[in-house]
N, C-alpha and C. Protein backbone atom coordinates (compact mmCIF):
# COMPACT_ATOMS: atom_id res chain seq x y z
N UNK A 1 142.02 224.43 66.16
CA UNK A 1 143.74 225.50 66.31
C UNK A 1 142.98 226.56 66.23
N UNK A 2 143.64 227.20 67.52
CA UNK A 2 143.51 228.63 68.10
C UNK A 2 144.29 229.51 67.81
N UNK A 3 143.87 230.47 66.81
CA UNK A 3 144.17 232.08 66.72
C UNK A 3 144.96 233.19 67.53
N UNK A 4 145.99 232.99 67.43
CA UNK A 4 146.73 234.16 68.21
C UNK A 4 146.85 235.54 67.53
N UNK A 5 146.25 236.51 68.03
CA UNK A 5 146.13 237.74 67.20
C UNK A 5 147.17 238.83 67.81
N UNK A 6 148.36 239.74 66.60
CA UNK A 6 149.59 240.48 67.06
C UNK A 6 149.27 241.00 68.00
N UNK A 7 150.09 241.18 69.19
CA UNK A 7 149.96 242.44 69.69
C UNK A 7 150.87 243.52 69.50
N UNK A 8 150.23 244.62 70.16
CA UNK A 8 151.18 245.60 70.09
C UNK A 8 151.09 246.56 71.38
N UNK A 9 152.07 247.30 71.49
CA UNK A 9 152.84 248.09 72.63
C UNK A 9 152.66 249.75 72.15
N UNK A 10 151.12 250.49 73.24
CA UNK A 10 151.36 251.68 72.71
C UNK A 10 152.85 252.17 73.97
N UNK A 11 153.14 253.10 73.66
CA UNK A 11 154.51 253.69 74.15
C UNK A 11 154.77 254.58 74.53
N UNK A 12 155.63 255.60 75.34
CA UNK A 12 155.69 256.73 75.25
C UNK A 12 157.24 256.85 75.44
N UNK A 13 157.52 257.90 74.18
CA UNK A 13 158.76 258.43 74.85
C UNK A 13 159.20 259.55 75.97
N UNK A 14 160.67 259.45 76.57
CA UNK A 14 160.63 260.29 77.71
C UNK A 14 162.32 261.15 77.78
N UNK A 15 162.21 262.78 77.81
CA UNK A 15 163.13 263.08 77.57
C UNK A 15 164.36 262.92 79.15
N UNK A 16 165.55 262.19 79.16
CA UNK A 16 166.23 261.72 79.89
C UNK A 16 166.84 262.96 80.78
N UNK A 17 166.50 264.48 80.39
CA UNK A 17 166.91 265.53 81.29
C UNK A 17 165.69 266.03 82.23
N UNK A 18 164.83 265.70 81.41
CA UNK A 18 163.48 266.27 82.23
C UNK A 18 162.27 265.47 82.49
N UNK A 19 162.68 264.73 82.22
CA UNK A 19 161.48 263.12 82.39
C UNK A 19 159.94 263.57 81.60
N UNK A 20 159.92 264.70 81.03
CA UNK A 20 158.71 264.97 80.14
C UNK A 20 158.47 264.00 78.54
N UNK A 21 157.45 263.77 78.69
CA UNK A 21 156.82 262.84 77.39
C UNK A 21 156.86 263.97 76.38
N UNK A 22 157.38 263.24 75.58
CA UNK A 22 157.59 263.88 73.92
C UNK A 22 157.06 263.05 72.45
N UNK A 23 156.93 261.98 73.19
CA UNK A 23 156.49 261.41 71.84
C UNK A 23 155.45 260.25 72.00
N UNK A 24 154.58 259.42 71.34
CA UNK A 24 152.93 258.75 72.01
C UNK A 24 153.78 257.67 70.57
N UNK A 25 153.82 256.49 70.77
CA UNK A 25 153.77 255.75 69.52
C UNK A 25 153.36 254.39 69.65
N UNK A 26 153.56 253.61 68.86
CA UNK A 26 152.74 251.84 69.36
C UNK A 26 154.14 250.94 68.25
N UNK A 27 153.69 249.99 68.59
CA UNK A 27 154.98 248.90 68.11
C UNK A 27 154.29 247.45 68.77
N UNK A 28 154.84 246.70 68.00
CA UNK A 28 154.80 244.77 67.89
C UNK A 28 156.29 244.53 68.44
N UNK A 29 157.32 245.24 68.59
CA UNK A 29 158.65 245.01 69.40
C UNK A 29 159.04 246.64 70.14
N UNK A 30 158.75 246.60 71.56
CA UNK A 30 159.82 247.89 71.92
C UNK A 30 161.25 247.84 71.86
N UNK A 31 161.63 246.94 71.86
CA UNK A 31 163.11 247.01 72.13
C UNK A 31 164.05 247.68 70.92
N UNK A 32 163.15 246.76 69.68
CA UNK A 32 163.42 246.69 68.35
C UNK A 32 163.35 248.09 67.87
N UNK A 33 161.95 248.80 68.54
CA UNK A 33 161.63 250.04 67.52
C UNK A 33 162.38 251.32 68.53
N UNK A 34 162.86 251.06 69.66
CA UNK A 34 163.36 251.76 70.21
C UNK A 34 164.75 252.25 69.55
N UNK A 35 165.53 251.04 69.23
CA UNK A 35 166.72 251.09 68.59
C UNK A 35 166.32 251.61 67.15
N UNK A 36 165.36 251.38 66.49
CA UNK A 36 164.87 252.00 65.43
C UNK A 36 164.83 253.52 65.50
N UNK A 37 164.01 254.26 66.34
CA UNK A 37 164.27 255.35 66.71
C UNK A 37 165.65 256.18 66.63
N UNK A 38 166.54 255.47 67.83
CA UNK A 38 167.71 255.87 67.56
C UNK A 38 169.28 256.04 66.59
N UNK A 39 168.78 254.88 65.96
CA UNK A 39 169.24 254.87 64.83
C UNK A 39 168.62 255.58 63.48
N UNK A 40 167.57 255.71 63.27
CA UNK A 40 167.08 256.60 62.27
C UNK A 40 167.87 258.50 62.83
N UNK A 41 167.58 258.19 64.00
CA UNK A 41 167.94 259.85 64.78
C UNK A 41 169.35 260.17 64.18
N UNK A 42 170.62 259.19 64.55
CA UNK A 42 171.87 258.98 64.50
C UNK A 42 172.30 260.14 62.96
N UNK A 43 171.85 259.88 61.70
CA UNK A 43 172.20 260.12 60.78
C UNK A 43 170.94 260.90 59.88
N UNK A 44 170.08 261.12 60.48
CA UNK A 44 169.20 262.47 60.00
C UNK A 44 167.88 262.78 60.75
N UNK A 45 167.81 264.09 60.76
CA UNK A 45 166.47 264.19 60.91
C UNK A 45 165.07 265.02 60.49
N UNK A 46 164.72 263.99 60.16
CA UNK A 46 163.49 264.69 59.34
C UNK A 46 161.85 265.03 59.41
N UNK A 47 162.32 264.81 60.56
CA UNK A 47 160.80 264.88 61.72
C UNK A 47 161.47 265.34 62.73
N UNK A 48 160.13 266.36 63.38
CA UNK A 48 160.72 266.63 64.91
C UNK A 48 161.40 265.48 65.85
N UNK A 49 160.16 264.28 65.84
CA UNK A 49 160.80 263.43 66.65
C UNK A 49 162.43 262.77 66.32
N UNK A 50 162.97 263.23 65.28
CA UNK A 50 164.15 262.20 64.68
C UNK A 50 165.39 263.87 65.60
N UNK A 51 164.82 264.90 65.33
CA UNK A 51 165.43 266.23 65.77
C UNK A 51 165.06 265.78 67.21
N UNK A 52 164.84 265.86 67.96
CA UNK A 52 164.71 265.79 69.29
C UNK A 52 165.56 264.72 69.66
N UNK A 53 165.58 263.56 69.10
CA UNK A 53 166.58 262.47 69.50
C UNK A 53 167.85 262.73 68.83
N UNK A 54 168.28 263.23 67.84
CA UNK A 54 169.73 263.58 67.54
C UNK A 54 170.04 264.57 68.11
N UNK A 55 169.30 265.29 68.74
CA UNK A 55 170.09 266.16 70.18
C UNK A 55 170.57 265.23 71.20
N UNK A 56 169.81 264.43 71.34
CA UNK A 56 170.00 263.93 72.83
C UNK A 56 171.26 262.86 72.34
N UNK A 57 171.41 262.19 71.45
CA UNK A 57 172.54 261.46 70.81
C UNK A 57 173.81 262.34 71.17
N UNK A 58 174.05 263.98 70.27
CA UNK A 58 175.29 264.81 70.45
C UNK A 58 175.14 264.69 71.75
N UNK A 59 174.37 264.49 72.64
CA UNK A 59 174.89 264.77 73.98
C UNK A 59 175.16 263.60 74.62
N UNK A 60 174.82 262.79 74.27
CA UNK A 60 175.68 261.30 74.69
C UNK A 60 174.22 260.51 75.55
N UNK A 61 173.00 260.74 75.37
CA UNK A 61 172.07 260.57 75.32
C UNK A 61 170.80 259.45 74.80
N UNK A 62 169.69 258.69 75.57
CA UNK A 62 168.62 258.41 74.45
C UNK A 62 167.40 258.62 75.27
N UNK A 63 166.80 258.63 74.44
CA UNK A 63 165.37 258.92 74.79
C UNK A 63 164.76 257.55 75.77
N UNK A 64 163.52 257.67 77.09
CA UNK A 64 163.52 256.39 78.04
C UNK A 64 162.37 256.18 77.33
N UNK A 65 162.10 254.74 77.20
CA UNK A 65 160.87 253.62 76.71
C UNK A 65 160.26 253.88 77.99
N UNK A 66 158.81 254.13 77.61
CA UNK A 66 158.15 253.37 78.82
C UNK A 66 156.73 252.78 78.34
N UNK A 67 156.31 251.26 78.31
CA UNK A 67 155.28 250.96 78.02
C UNK A 67 153.66 251.09 78.52
N UNK A 68 153.08 251.73 78.14
CA UNK A 68 151.56 252.26 78.68
C UNK A 68 150.77 250.95 78.70
N UNK A 69 150.61 250.31 77.62
CA UNK A 69 149.42 249.73 77.30
C UNK A 69 149.69 248.85 76.52
N UNK A 70 148.53 247.05 76.63
CA UNK A 70 149.17 246.17 75.72
C UNK A 70 147.78 246.04 74.87
N UNK A 71 147.69 245.80 73.58
CA UNK A 71 146.35 245.83 72.82
C UNK A 71 146.45 244.80 71.76
N UNK A 72 145.54 243.37 71.58
CA UNK A 72 145.86 242.91 70.42
C UNK A 72 144.59 243.48 69.17
N UNK A 73 145.62 243.35 68.07
CA UNK A 73 145.65 243.37 67.20
C UNK A 73 144.62 244.98 66.47
N UNK A 74 144.30 245.52 66.10
CA UNK A 74 142.60 246.06 65.63
C UNK A 74 142.62 246.38 66.88
N UNK A 75 142.63 247.04 67.92
CA UNK A 75 142.15 247.53 69.48
C UNK A 75 143.12 248.62 69.94
N UNK A 76 143.94 249.07 69.06
CA UNK A 76 145.26 250.19 69.74
C UNK A 76 144.69 251.43 69.19
N UNK A 77 144.14 251.68 68.33
CA UNK A 77 143.57 252.98 66.99
C UNK A 77 143.48 254.12 67.95
N UNK A 78 142.64 253.82 68.81
CA UNK A 78 141.68 254.77 68.92
C UNK A 78 142.39 254.98 70.53
N UNK A 79 142.87 254.04 70.97
CA UNK A 79 143.73 254.41 72.24
C UNK A 79 144.86 255.58 71.73
N UNK A 80 145.84 255.03 71.10
CA UNK A 80 146.73 255.96 70.76
C UNK A 80 146.29 256.80 70.02
N UNK A 81 145.22 257.67 69.64
CA UNK A 81 144.72 258.74 69.60
C UNK A 81 144.68 259.48 70.69
N UNK A 82 143.89 258.74 71.42
CA UNK A 82 143.40 259.00 72.62
C UNK A 82 144.83 259.65 73.53
N UNK A 83 145.64 258.55 73.80
CA UNK A 83 147.37 258.80 74.36
C UNK A 83 147.81 260.09 73.91
N UNK A 84 147.86 260.37 72.47
CA UNK A 84 148.27 261.93 71.73
C UNK A 84 147.20 263.00 72.02
N UNK A 85 146.06 263.05 72.36
CA UNK A 85 145.17 263.93 72.43
C UNK A 85 145.12 264.59 73.81
N UNK A 86 145.22 263.44 74.92
CA UNK A 86 145.75 263.50 76.51
C UNK A 86 146.79 264.09 76.42
N UNK A 87 148.02 263.62 76.02
CA UNK A 87 149.33 264.48 76.77
C UNK A 87 149.47 266.14 75.92
N UNK A 88 149.03 265.98 74.78
CA UNK A 88 148.89 267.70 74.53
C UNK A 88 148.17 268.30 75.13
N UNK A 89 146.83 267.56 75.56
CA UNK A 89 146.20 268.62 76.44
C UNK A 89 146.60 268.74 78.17
N UNK A 90 147.53 267.98 78.40
CA UNK A 90 148.21 268.38 79.32
C UNK A 90 149.51 268.97 79.35
N UNK A 91 149.62 269.34 78.03
CA UNK A 91 150.90 270.53 78.17
C UNK A 91 152.11 270.19 77.92
N UNK A 92 152.37 268.95 77.79
CA UNK A 92 153.56 268.15 76.55
C UNK A 92 153.77 268.23 75.16
N UNK A 93 154.94 268.49 75.15
CA UNK A 93 155.36 269.58 73.52
C UNK A 93 156.15 267.85 73.12
N UNK A 94 155.07 267.62 72.44
CA UNK A 94 154.95 265.95 72.08
C UNK A 94 155.46 266.76 69.90
N UNK A 95 156.32 265.58 70.03
CA UNK A 95 156.85 265.55 68.85
C UNK A 95 156.27 264.87 67.63
N UNK A 96 154.99 264.33 67.97
CA UNK A 96 154.25 263.49 66.82
C UNK A 96 153.41 264.57 66.31
N UNK A 97 153.56 264.43 64.95
CA UNK A 97 153.07 264.85 63.86
C UNK A 97 151.74 264.44 63.19
N UNK A 98 151.36 263.52 63.65
CA UNK A 98 150.15 262.68 63.40
C UNK A 98 149.07 262.45 64.50
N UNK A 99 148.09 262.48 64.49
CA UNK A 99 147.00 262.12 65.24
C UNK A 99 146.99 261.02 65.61
N UNK A 100 147.31 259.91 65.11
CA UNK A 100 147.81 258.64 65.87
C UNK A 100 146.29 257.64 64.95
N UNK A 101 147.04 256.44 65.08
CA UNK A 101 145.74 255.54 64.99
C UNK A 101 146.27 255.41 63.22
N UNK A 102 146.02 254.14 62.51
CA UNK A 102 146.02 254.21 60.85
C UNK A 102 145.64 255.31 60.39
N UNK A 103 144.79 256.55 60.85
CA UNK A 103 144.38 257.18 60.17
C UNK A 103 145.46 258.86 60.31
N UNK A 104 146.76 258.72 60.53
CA UNK A 104 148.06 259.30 60.87
C UNK A 104 148.26 260.13 59.95
N UNK A 105 147.29 261.34 59.91
CA UNK A 105 147.15 262.44 59.41
C UNK A 105 148.15 263.39 59.68
N UNK A 106 149.20 264.15 59.36
CA UNK A 106 149.63 265.17 59.81
C UNK A 106 148.77 266.02 60.19
N UNK A 107 149.26 266.61 61.34
CA UNK A 107 148.49 267.79 62.16
C UNK A 107 148.89 269.12 61.42
N UNK A 108 149.64 269.25 61.10
CA UNK A 108 150.34 270.83 60.38
C UNK A 108 150.05 270.86 58.83
N UNK A 109 149.60 269.98 58.37
CA UNK A 109 149.03 270.11 57.16
C UNK A 109 147.88 269.76 56.53
N UNK A 110 147.00 270.82 55.87
CA UNK A 110 145.47 270.23 56.16
C UNK A 110 145.58 268.97 54.87
N UNK A 111 144.21 268.59 55.18
CA UNK A 111 144.33 267.42 54.22
C UNK A 111 143.79 267.54 52.81
N UNK A 112 144.43 267.11 52.24
CA UNK A 112 144.62 267.42 50.73
C UNK A 112 143.51 266.26 50.04
N UNK A 113 142.22 266.90 49.00
CA UNK A 113 141.64 266.01 48.45
C UNK A 113 142.51 265.04 47.16
N UNK A 114 142.74 264.03 47.47
CA UNK A 114 143.32 263.41 46.54
C UNK A 114 142.86 263.54 44.75
N UNK A 115 143.41 264.06 43.73
CA UNK A 115 142.89 264.22 42.58
C UNK A 115 142.20 263.38 41.74
N UNK A 116 141.88 263.51 41.66
CA UNK A 116 140.40 262.66 40.12
C UNK A 116 141.36 262.49 38.98
N UNK A 117 141.35 260.91 38.79
CA UNK A 117 142.09 260.73 37.66
C UNK A 117 140.99 260.31 36.40
N UNK A 118 141.38 260.93 35.27
CA UNK A 118 140.74 261.22 34.24
C UNK A 118 140.95 260.16 33.10
N UNK A 119 139.89 259.63 32.72
CA UNK A 119 140.53 258.51 31.51
C UNK A 119 139.95 258.67 30.40
N UNK A 120 140.86 258.80 29.53
CA UNK A 120 140.57 259.29 28.06
C UNK A 120 140.48 257.84 26.73
N UNK A 121 139.25 257.86 26.16
CA UNK A 121 139.70 256.61 25.27
C UNK A 121 139.91 256.97 23.94
N UNK A 122 141.22 256.69 23.61
CA UNK A 122 142.14 256.53 22.22
C UNK A 122 141.19 255.78 20.89
N UNK A 123 140.15 255.85 21.22
CA UNK A 123 139.70 254.76 19.79
C UNK A 123 138.12 255.25 19.92
């Protein structure tokens, strides 16, 4: 029996007015992911990506999704980080708040150390 690993798509979201790349992401289902981005941004703007998409929606527009790469499970993380860094270095105003990959740490907040748990004996 052959095991098929899950496939992940690395994608960008472009501004329909300027064609500028505004977001780099990954998904297992591009069509569903794009609709999820749009649906979430219709009702709230909790982060820069949702704020940007919400503004487009108010003008009757949506971002354009473009698939850049296809990867089997476990091989996309470093490429997503590379693409986010690449587009930033090229001067694109990305709405990504994390560096990408499963390590997706917020770039605006310093990394916090986890509090140490203290255990006390009651007897």
